[in-house]
């Protein structure tokens, strides 16, 4: 009698486990799997490959390859570990596109003559020992 009871108990346990496994398989039939490299923005640039849309060049660019790196300075002139980049118009160099780590869209700066700073609103990119980027009177970034 004990053997029969034990066999029945084992059959009940095994069949309930099988039902749970089949139920789990049914719910995971079509899992959502992200596609690697499927992060194309509205311009067709793939951020996962390092591409960003450049208004100035009208194409996807890798700013860390073609741009000048500007290191961010925090309070008391302490270097912060973030960087921004600037790329320049290829023809005259009178326009500069600023890619800030704090902004979603780039900023186009314009200069009037060679040797003068590129300006937009309260941003100024000054060509001095590389570049100095100021917002108002505060130095925000420097780089070469």
N, C-alpha and C. Protein backbone atom coordinates (compact mmCIF):
# COMPACT_ATOMS: atom_id res chain seq x y z
N UNK A 1 0.81 -1.19 0.00
CA UNK A 1 0.00 0.00 0.00
C UNK A 1 0.86 1.26 0.00
N UNK A 2 1.93 1.24 0.79
CA UNK A 2 2.82 2.40 0.85
C UNK A 2 3.51 2.63 -0.49
N UNK A 3 3.87 1.55 -1.18
CA UNK A 3 4.53 1.68 -2.48
C UNK A 3 3.59 2.32 -3.49
N UNK A 4 2.32 1.89 -3.48
CA UNK A 4 1.34 2.45 -4.42
C UNK A 4 1.13 3.94 -4.14
N UNK A 5 1.04 4.29 -2.87
CA UNK A 5 0.84 5.68 -2.49
C UNK A 5 2.04 6.53 -2.91
N UNK A 6 3.23 5.99 -2.73
CA UNK A 6 4.46 6.69 -3.12
C UNK A 6 4.50 6.89 -4.64
N UNK A 7 4.13 5.87 -5.41
CA UNK A 7 4.13 5.96 -6.88
C UNK A 7 3.11 7.01 -7.34
N UNK A 8 1.93 7.02 -6.76
CA UNK A 8 0.90 7.99 -7.10
C UNK A 8 1.38 9.41 -6.79
N UNK A 9 2.00 9.57 -5.64
CA UNK A 9 2.53 10.88 -5.24
C UNK A 9 3.59 11.37 -6.22
N UNK A 10 4.48 10.48 -6.65
CA UNK A 10 5.54 10.85 -7.61
C UNK A 10 4.92 11.25 -8.94
N UNK A 11 3.91 10.52 -9.40
CA UNK A 11 3.25 10.84 -10.67
C UNK A 11 2.57 12.20 -10.60
N UNK A 12 1.93 12.51 -9.49
CA UNK A 12 1.27 13.81 -9.32
C UNK A 12 2.29 14.94 -9.34
N UNK A 13 3.40 14.77 -8.66
CA UNK A 13 4.43 15.81 -8.61
C UNK A 13 5.03 16.04 -9.99
N UNK A 14 5.38 14.97 -10.69
CA UNK A 14 5.99 15.08 -12.02
C UNK A 14 5.02 15.75 -12.99
N UNK A 15 3.74 15.35 -12.95
CA UNK A 15 2.79 15.95 -13.90
C UNK A 15 2.54 17.42 -13.60
N UNK A 16 2.56 17.82 -12.34
CA UNK A 16 2.38 19.24 -12.02
C UNK A 16 3.58 20.05 -12.46
N UNK A 17 4.79 19.51 -12.35
CA UNK A 17 5.99 20.21 -12.82
C UNK A 17 5.96 20.37 -14.33
N UNK A 18 5.52 19.35 -15.04
CA UNK A 18 5.43 19.41 -16.49
C UNK A 18 4.45 20.48 -16.92
N UNK A 19 3.32 20.60 -16.22
CA UNK A 19 2.33 21.63 -16.53
C UNK A 19 2.91 23.02 -16.34
N UNK A 20 3.67 23.22 -15.26
CA UNK A 20 4.29 24.53 -15.00
C UNK A 20 5.35 24.86 -16.05
N UNK A 21 6.13 23.87 -16.46
CA UNK A 21 7.16 24.10 -17.48
C UNK A 21 6.50 24.47 -18.81
N UNK A 22 5.45 23.75 -19.20
CA UNK A 22 4.76 24.06 -20.45
C UNK A 22 4.12 25.43 -20.41
N UNK A 23 3.58 25.82 -19.26
CA UNK A 23 2.98 27.14 -19.10
C UNK A 23 4.04 28.23 -19.26
N UNK A 24 5.20 28.01 -18.67
CA UNK A 24 6.29 28.98 -18.79
C UNK A 24 6.76 29.10 -20.23
N UNK A 25 6.81 27.98 -20.94
CA UNK A 25 7.22 28.01 -22.35
C UNK A 25 6.22 28.80 -23.19
N UNK A 26 4.93 28.66 -22.91
CA UNK A 26 3.91 29.38 -23.66
C UNK A 26 4.02 30.89 -23.47
N UNK A 27 4.30 31.34 -22.24
CA UNK A 27 4.39 32.79 -22.00
C UNK A 27 5.66 33.38 -22.60
N UNK A 28 6.72 32.60 -22.79
CA UNK A 28 7.98 33.10 -23.36
C UNK A 28 8.14 32.74 -24.82
N UNK A 29 7.03 32.45 -25.50
CA UNK A 29 7.10 32.05 -26.89
C UNK A 29 7.70 33.13 -27.78
N UNK A 30 7.29 34.38 -27.57
CA UNK A 30 7.75 35.49 -28.39
C UNK A 30 8.38 36.57 -27.51
N UNK A 31 9.54 36.28 -26.91
CA UNK A 31 10.15 37.32 -26.07
C UNK A 31 10.65 38.47 -26.94
N UNK A 32 10.66 39.67 -26.37
CA UNK A 32 11.17 40.85 -27.07
C UNK A 32 12.67 40.88 -26.92
N UNK A 33 13.36 40.74 -28.03
CA UNK A 33 14.82 40.73 -28.03
C UNK A 33 15.31 42.00 -28.72
N UNK A 34 16.07 42.84 -28.01
CA UNK A 34 16.56 44.06 -28.67
C UNK A 34 17.57 43.71 -29.76
N UNK A 35 17.49 44.43 -30.86
CA UNK A 35 18.40 44.21 -31.97
C UNK A 35 19.64 45.08 -31.78
N UNK A 36 20.79 44.44 -31.79
CA UNK A 36 22.05 45.18 -31.64
C UNK A 36 22.25 46.05 -32.87
N UNK A 37 22.55 47.32 -32.65
CA UNK A 37 22.73 48.25 -33.76
C UNK A 37 21.42 48.79 -34.31
N UNK A 38 20.31 48.53 -33.62
CA UNK A 38 19.01 48.98 -34.07
C UNK A 38 18.61 50.31 -33.49
N UNK A 39 19.56 51.07 -33.02
CA UNK A 39 19.28 52.34 -32.35
C UNK A 39 19.49 53.52 -33.30
N UNK A 40 18.85 53.47 -34.44
CA UNK A 40 18.99 54.53 -35.44
C UNK A 40 18.11 55.71 -35.03
N UNK A 41 18.68 56.93 -35.07
CA UNK A 41 17.90 58.12 -34.72
C UNK A 41 17.14 58.63 -35.96
N UNK A 42 16.49 59.76 -35.82
CA UNK A 42 15.66 60.28 -36.91
C UNK A 42 16.46 60.65 -38.16
N UNK A 43 17.78 60.79 -38.03
CA UNK A 43 18.62 61.13 -39.18
C UNK A 43 19.30 59.90 -39.78
N UNK A 44 19.12 58.74 -39.14
CA UNK A 44 19.76 57.51 -39.62
C UNK A 44 21.10 57.24 -38.97
N UNK A 45 21.46 57.99 -37.95
CA UNK A 45 22.75 57.80 -37.26
C UNK A 45 22.62 56.72 -36.19
N UNK A 46 23.61 55.84 -36.10
CA UNK A 46 23.62 54.78 -35.10
C UNK A 46 24.47 55.20 -33.90
N UNK A 47 23.80 55.51 -32.81
CA UNK A 47 24.51 55.94 -31.60
C UNK A 47 25.40 54.84 -31.04
N UNK A 48 24.98 53.58 -31.17
CA UNK A 48 25.78 52.48 -30.62
C UNK A 48 27.10 52.34 -31.36
N UNK A 49 27.18 52.86 -32.57
CA UNK A 49 28.43 52.85 -33.33
C UNK A 49 29.18 54.16 -33.18
N UNK A 50 28.67 55.06 -32.33
CA UNK A 50 29.35 56.32 -32.04
C UNK A 50 28.99 57.47 -32.96
N UNK A 51 27.94 57.31 -33.76
CA UNK A 51 27.58 58.36 -34.73
C UNK A 51 26.57 59.33 -34.16
N UNK A 52 26.75 60.59 -34.50
CA UNK A 52 25.88 61.69 -34.11
C UNK A 52 25.61 62.55 -35.34
N UNK A 53 24.42 63.12 -35.43
CA UNK A 53 24.09 63.98 -36.57
C UNK A 53 24.77 65.33 -36.42
N UNK A 54 25.44 65.76 -37.49
CA UNK A 54 26.07 67.07 -37.53
C UNK A 54 25.26 67.97 -38.46
N UNK A 55 24.73 69.05 -37.91
CA UNK A 55 24.00 70.04 -38.69
C UNK A 55 24.96 70.74 -39.65
N UNK A 56 26.14 71.04 -39.17
CA UNK A 56 27.14 71.76 -39.94
C UNK A 56 27.59 70.97 -41.18
N UNK A 57 27.80 69.68 -41.02
CA UNK A 57 28.28 68.85 -42.13
C UNK A 57 27.17 68.11 -42.85
N UNK A 58 25.97 68.15 -42.29
CA UNK A 58 24.80 67.51 -42.89
C UNK A 58 25.02 66.00 -43.10
N UNK A 59 25.60 65.35 -42.10
CA UNK A 59 25.83 63.92 -42.15
C UNK A 59 26.08 63.36 -40.75
N UNK A 60 26.06 62.05 -40.64
CA UNK A 60 26.39 61.40 -39.38
C UNK A 60 27.91 61.40 -39.22
N UNK A 61 28.39 61.81 -38.06
CA UNK A 61 29.82 61.88 -37.81
C UNK A 61 30.15 61.23 -36.46
N UNK A 62 31.39 60.86 -36.32
CA UNK A 62 31.91 60.38 -35.03
C UNK A 62 32.74 61.54 -34.47
N UNK A 63 32.11 62.32 -33.60
CA UNK A 63 32.72 63.57 -33.14
C UNK A 63 34.03 63.34 -32.42
N UNK A 64 34.20 62.19 -31.78
CA UNK A 64 35.43 61.92 -31.05
C UNK A 64 36.59 61.62 -31.99
N UNK A 65 36.31 61.38 -33.27
CA UNK A 65 37.37 61.15 -34.24
C UNK A 65 37.77 62.42 -34.99
N UNK A 66 36.79 63.29 -35.27
CA UNK A 66 37.09 64.46 -36.09
C UNK A 66 37.06 65.77 -35.31
N UNK A 67 36.53 65.75 -34.10
CA UNK A 67 36.36 66.98 -33.35
C UNK A 67 37.48 67.26 -32.37
N UNK A 68 37.54 68.49 -31.94
CA UNK A 68 38.47 68.89 -30.88
C UNK A 68 37.80 68.58 -29.54
N UNK A 69 38.50 67.90 -28.68
CA UNK A 69 37.96 67.53 -27.37
C UNK A 69 38.10 68.69 -26.40
N UNK A 70 37.02 68.96 -25.70
CA UNK A 70 37.01 70.01 -24.69
C UNK A 70 36.69 69.36 -23.34
N UNK A 71 37.59 69.51 -22.38
CA UNK A 71 37.38 68.93 -21.06
C UNK A 71 36.60 69.90 -20.18
N UNK A 72 35.69 69.35 -19.41
CA UNK A 72 34.80 70.14 -18.57
C UNK A 72 35.46 70.50 -17.24
N UNK A 73 35.26 71.73 -16.83
CA UNK A 73 35.78 72.17 -15.54
C UNK A 73 34.63 72.48 -14.61
N UNK A 74 34.72 71.98 -13.39
CA UNK A 74 33.69 72.23 -12.39
C UNK A 74 34.06 73.43 -11.54
N UNK A 75 33.52 73.47 -10.36
CA UNK A 75 33.82 74.57 -9.45
C UNK A 75 35.27 74.48 -8.98
N UNK A 76 35.86 75.60 -8.68
CA UNK A 76 37.25 75.71 -8.22
C UNK A 76 38.24 75.17 -9.25
N UNK A 77 37.87 75.24 -10.55
CA UNK A 77 38.73 74.81 -11.65
C UNK A 77 39.19 73.36 -11.53
N UNK A 78 38.39 72.51 -10.92
CA UNK A 78 38.73 71.09 -10.83
C UNK A 78 38.20 70.39 -12.08
N UNK A 79 39.07 69.56 -12.68
CA UNK A 79 38.70 68.83 -13.88
C UNK A 79 37.62 67.80 -13.57
N UNK A 80 36.56 67.82 -14.35
CA UNK A 80 35.49 66.84 -14.23
C UNK A 80 35.69 65.82 -15.35
N UNK A 81 35.24 64.60 -15.16
CA UNK A 81 35.56 63.54 -16.10
C UNK A 81 34.70 63.50 -17.36
N UNK A 82 33.96 64.53 -17.65
CA UNK A 82 33.18 64.55 -18.87
C UNK A 82 33.84 65.45 -19.91
N UNK A 83 33.52 65.18 -21.16
CA UNK A 83 34.07 65.97 -22.26
C UNK A 83 32.99 66.34 -23.25
N UNK A 84 33.25 67.38 -23.98
CA UNK A 84 32.42 67.79 -25.10
C UNK A 84 33.33 67.95 -26.30
N UNK A 85 32.73 68.13 -27.46
CA UNK A 85 33.53 68.21 -28.69
C UNK A 85 33.04 69.36 -29.55
N UNK A 86 33.95 69.86 -30.38
CA UNK A 86 33.61 70.90 -31.34
C UNK A 86 34.21 70.51 -32.68
N UNK A 87 33.42 70.69 -33.74
CA UNK A 87 33.93 70.50 -35.10
C UNK A 87 33.74 71.80 -35.85
N UNK A 88 34.56 71.99 -36.87
CA UNK A 88 34.57 73.26 -37.59
C UNK A 88 34.13 73.07 -39.04
N UNK A 89 33.58 74.13 -39.57
CA UNK A 89 33.19 74.16 -40.98
C UNK A 89 34.45 73.92 -41.81
N UNK A 90 34.35 73.07 -42.80
CA UNK A 90 35.54 72.70 -43.57
C UNK A 90 36.01 73.79 -44.53
N UNK A 91 35.11 74.62 -45.04
CA UNK A 91 35.51 75.64 -46.02
C UNK A 91 36.24 76.81 -45.36
N UNK A 92 35.51 77.63 -44.65
CA UNK A 92 36.10 78.87 -44.11
C UNK A 92 36.48 78.75 -42.64
N UNK A 93 35.87 77.83 -41.93
CA UNK A 93 36.14 77.72 -40.50
C UNK A 93 35.43 78.78 -39.67
N UNK A 94 34.52 79.51 -40.30
CA UNK A 94 33.82 80.57 -39.58
C UNK A 94 32.62 80.07 -38.78
N UNK A 95 32.31 78.79 -38.91
CA UNK A 95 31.26 78.18 -38.10
C UNK A 95 31.84 77.01 -37.34
N UNK A 96 31.36 76.86 -36.13
CA UNK A 96 31.78 75.74 -35.29
C UNK A 96 30.52 75.10 -34.71
N UNK A 97 30.51 73.78 -34.66
CA UNK A 97 29.37 73.06 -34.08
C UNK A 97 29.82 72.46 -32.76
N UNK A 98 29.11 72.82 -31.74
CA UNK A 98 29.45 72.45 -30.37
C UNK A 98 28.55 71.31 -29.90
N UNK A 99 29.16 70.21 -29.49
CA UNK A 99 28.43 69.06 -28.95
C UNK A 99 28.73 68.98 -27.46
N UNK A 100 27.81 69.51 -26.66
CA UNK A 100 28.00 69.54 -25.21
C UNK A 100 27.47 68.25 -24.58
N UNK A 101 28.14 67.81 -23.53
CA UNK A 101 27.70 66.63 -22.82
C UNK A 101 26.41 66.88 -22.04
N UNK A 102 26.02 68.12 -21.90
CA UNK A 102 24.82 68.47 -21.14
C UNK A 102 23.62 68.80 -22.02
N UNK A 103 23.80 68.80 -23.35
CA UNK A 103 22.73 69.19 -24.27
C UNK A 103 22.42 68.05 -25.24
N UNK A 104 21.16 67.93 -25.61
CA UNK A 104 20.75 66.90 -26.58
C UNK A 104 21.12 67.30 -28.01
N UNK A 105 20.98 68.58 -28.33
CA UNK A 105 21.26 69.04 -29.69
C UNK A 105 22.53 69.88 -29.70
N UNK A 106 23.17 69.90 -30.85
CA UNK A 106 24.38 70.69 -30.98
C UNK A 106 24.05 72.17 -31.08
N UNK A 107 25.08 73.00 -30.88
CA UNK A 107 24.94 74.45 -30.94
C UNK A 107 25.89 74.95 -32.04
N UNK A 108 25.37 75.77 -32.94
CA UNK A 108 26.20 76.34 -34.01
C UNK A 108 26.70 77.71 -33.55
N UNK A 109 28.02 77.85 -33.53
CA UNK A 109 28.67 79.12 -33.17
C UNK A 109 29.22 79.75 -34.46
N UNK A 110 29.23 81.07 -34.52
CA UNK A 110 29.69 81.79 -35.71
C UNK A 110 30.70 82.84 -35.30
N UNK A 111 31.75 83.01 -36.12
CA UNK A 111 32.70 84.10 -35.89
C UNK A 111 32.71 85.01 -37.11
N UNK A 112 33.05 86.27 -36.86
CA UNK A 112 33.04 87.25 -37.94
C UNK A 112 34.34 87.22 -38.73
N UNK A 113 35.46 87.11 -38.05
CA UNK A 113 36.76 87.12 -38.71
C UNK A 113 37.69 86.11 -38.06
N UNK A 114 38.71 85.72 -38.80
CA UNK A 114 39.70 84.79 -38.28
C UNK A 114 40.40 85.40 -37.06
N UNK A 115 40.61 84.56 -36.05
CA UNK A 115 41.25 85.03 -34.83
C UNK A 115 40.28 85.49 -33.77
N UNK A 116 39.03 85.74 -34.16
CA UNK A 116 38.00 86.15 -33.20
C UNK A 116 37.27 84.90 -32.68
N UNK A 117 36.58 85.05 -31.56
CA UNK A 117 35.84 83.90 -31.02
C UNK A 117 34.59 83.58 -31.82
N UNK A 118 34.20 82.29 -31.77
CA UNK A 118 32.92 81.85 -32.31
C UNK A 118 31.88 82.13 -31.22
N UNK A 119 30.73 82.66 -31.58
CA UNK A 119 29.76 83.11 -30.59
C UNK A 119 28.35 82.62 -30.94
N UNK A 120 27.58 82.32 -29.92
CA UNK A 120 26.13 82.06 -30.01
C UNK A 120 25.55 82.34 -28.65
N UNK A 121 24.66 83.32 -28.59
CA UNK A 121 24.03 83.74 -27.32
C UNK A 121 25.12 84.04 -26.30
N UNK A 122 25.13 83.35 -25.17
CA UNK A 122 26.16 83.63 -24.15
C UNK A 122 27.33 82.64 -24.19
N UNK A 123 27.39 81.80 -25.24
CA UNK A 123 28.53 80.90 -25.43
C UNK A 123 29.59 81.57 -26.29
N UNK A 124 30.86 81.39 -25.92
CA UNK A 124 32.00 81.91 -26.68
C UNK A 124 33.08 80.84 -26.73
N UNK A 125 33.51 80.50 -27.94
CA UNK A 125 34.64 79.59 -28.13
C UNK A 125 35.82 80.43 -28.56
N UNK A 126 36.80 80.53 -27.68
CA UNK A 126 37.94 81.42 -27.90
C UNK A 126 39.16 80.60 -28.30
N UNK A 127 39.80 80.95 -29.43
CA UNK A 127 41.03 80.25 -29.82
C UNK A 127 42.22 80.78 -29.02
N UNK A 128 42.54 80.14 -27.91
CA UNK A 128 43.64 80.58 -27.05
C UNK A 128 44.25 79.35 -26.38
N UNK A 129 45.53 79.07 -26.70
CA UNK A 129 46.21 77.87 -26.20
C UNK A 129 45.34 76.63 -26.43
N UNK A 130 44.90 76.48 -27.67
CA UNK A 130 43.90 75.48 -28.00
C UNK A 130 42.57 76.19 -28.08
N UNK A 131 41.65 75.80 -27.21
CA UNK A 131 40.34 76.44 -27.18
C UNK A 131 39.86 76.60 -25.75
N UNK A 132 39.16 77.69 -25.51
CA UNK A 132 38.52 77.96 -24.23
C UNK A 132 37.05 78.22 -24.54
N UNK A 133 36.17 77.48 -23.90
CA UNK A 133 34.74 77.68 -24.08
C UNK A 133 34.18 78.32 -22.83
N UNK A 134 33.59 79.49 -23.03
CA UNK A 134 33.01 80.24 -21.90
C UNK A 134 31.52 80.36 -22.08
N UNK A 135 30.83 80.35 -20.96
CA UNK A 135 29.41 80.70 -20.94
C UNK A 135 29.31 81.91 -20.04
N UNK A 136 28.96 83.04 -20.64
CA UNK A 136 29.01 84.29 -19.91
C UNK A 136 30.47 84.60 -19.60
N UNK A 137 30.78 84.79 -18.33
CA UNK A 137 32.17 85.05 -17.93
C UNK A 137 32.86 83.82 -17.35
N UNK A 138 32.15 82.70 -17.30
CA UNK A 138 32.71 81.49 -16.68
C UNK A 138 33.31 80.56 -17.72
N UNK A 139 34.54 80.11 -17.46
CA UNK A 139 35.17 79.10 -18.31
C UNK A 139 34.54 77.76 -17.97
N UNK A 140 33.97 77.10 -19.00
CA UNK A 140 33.31 75.82 -18.81
C UNK A 140 34.14 74.65 -19.32
N UNK A 141 34.84 74.86 -20.45
CA UNK A 141 35.62 73.80 -21.06
C UNK A 141 36.90 74.37 -21.63
N UNK A 142 37.93 73.53 -21.70
CA UNK A 142 39.17 73.89 -22.39
C UNK A 142 39.66 72.66 -23.12
N UNK A 143 40.40 72.88 -24.20
CA UNK A 143 40.94 71.74 -24.95
C UNK A 143 41.74 72.17 -26.14
N UNK A 144 42.25 71.17 -26.85
CA UNK A 144 43.09 71.41 -28.03
C UNK A 144 42.49 70.79 -29.25
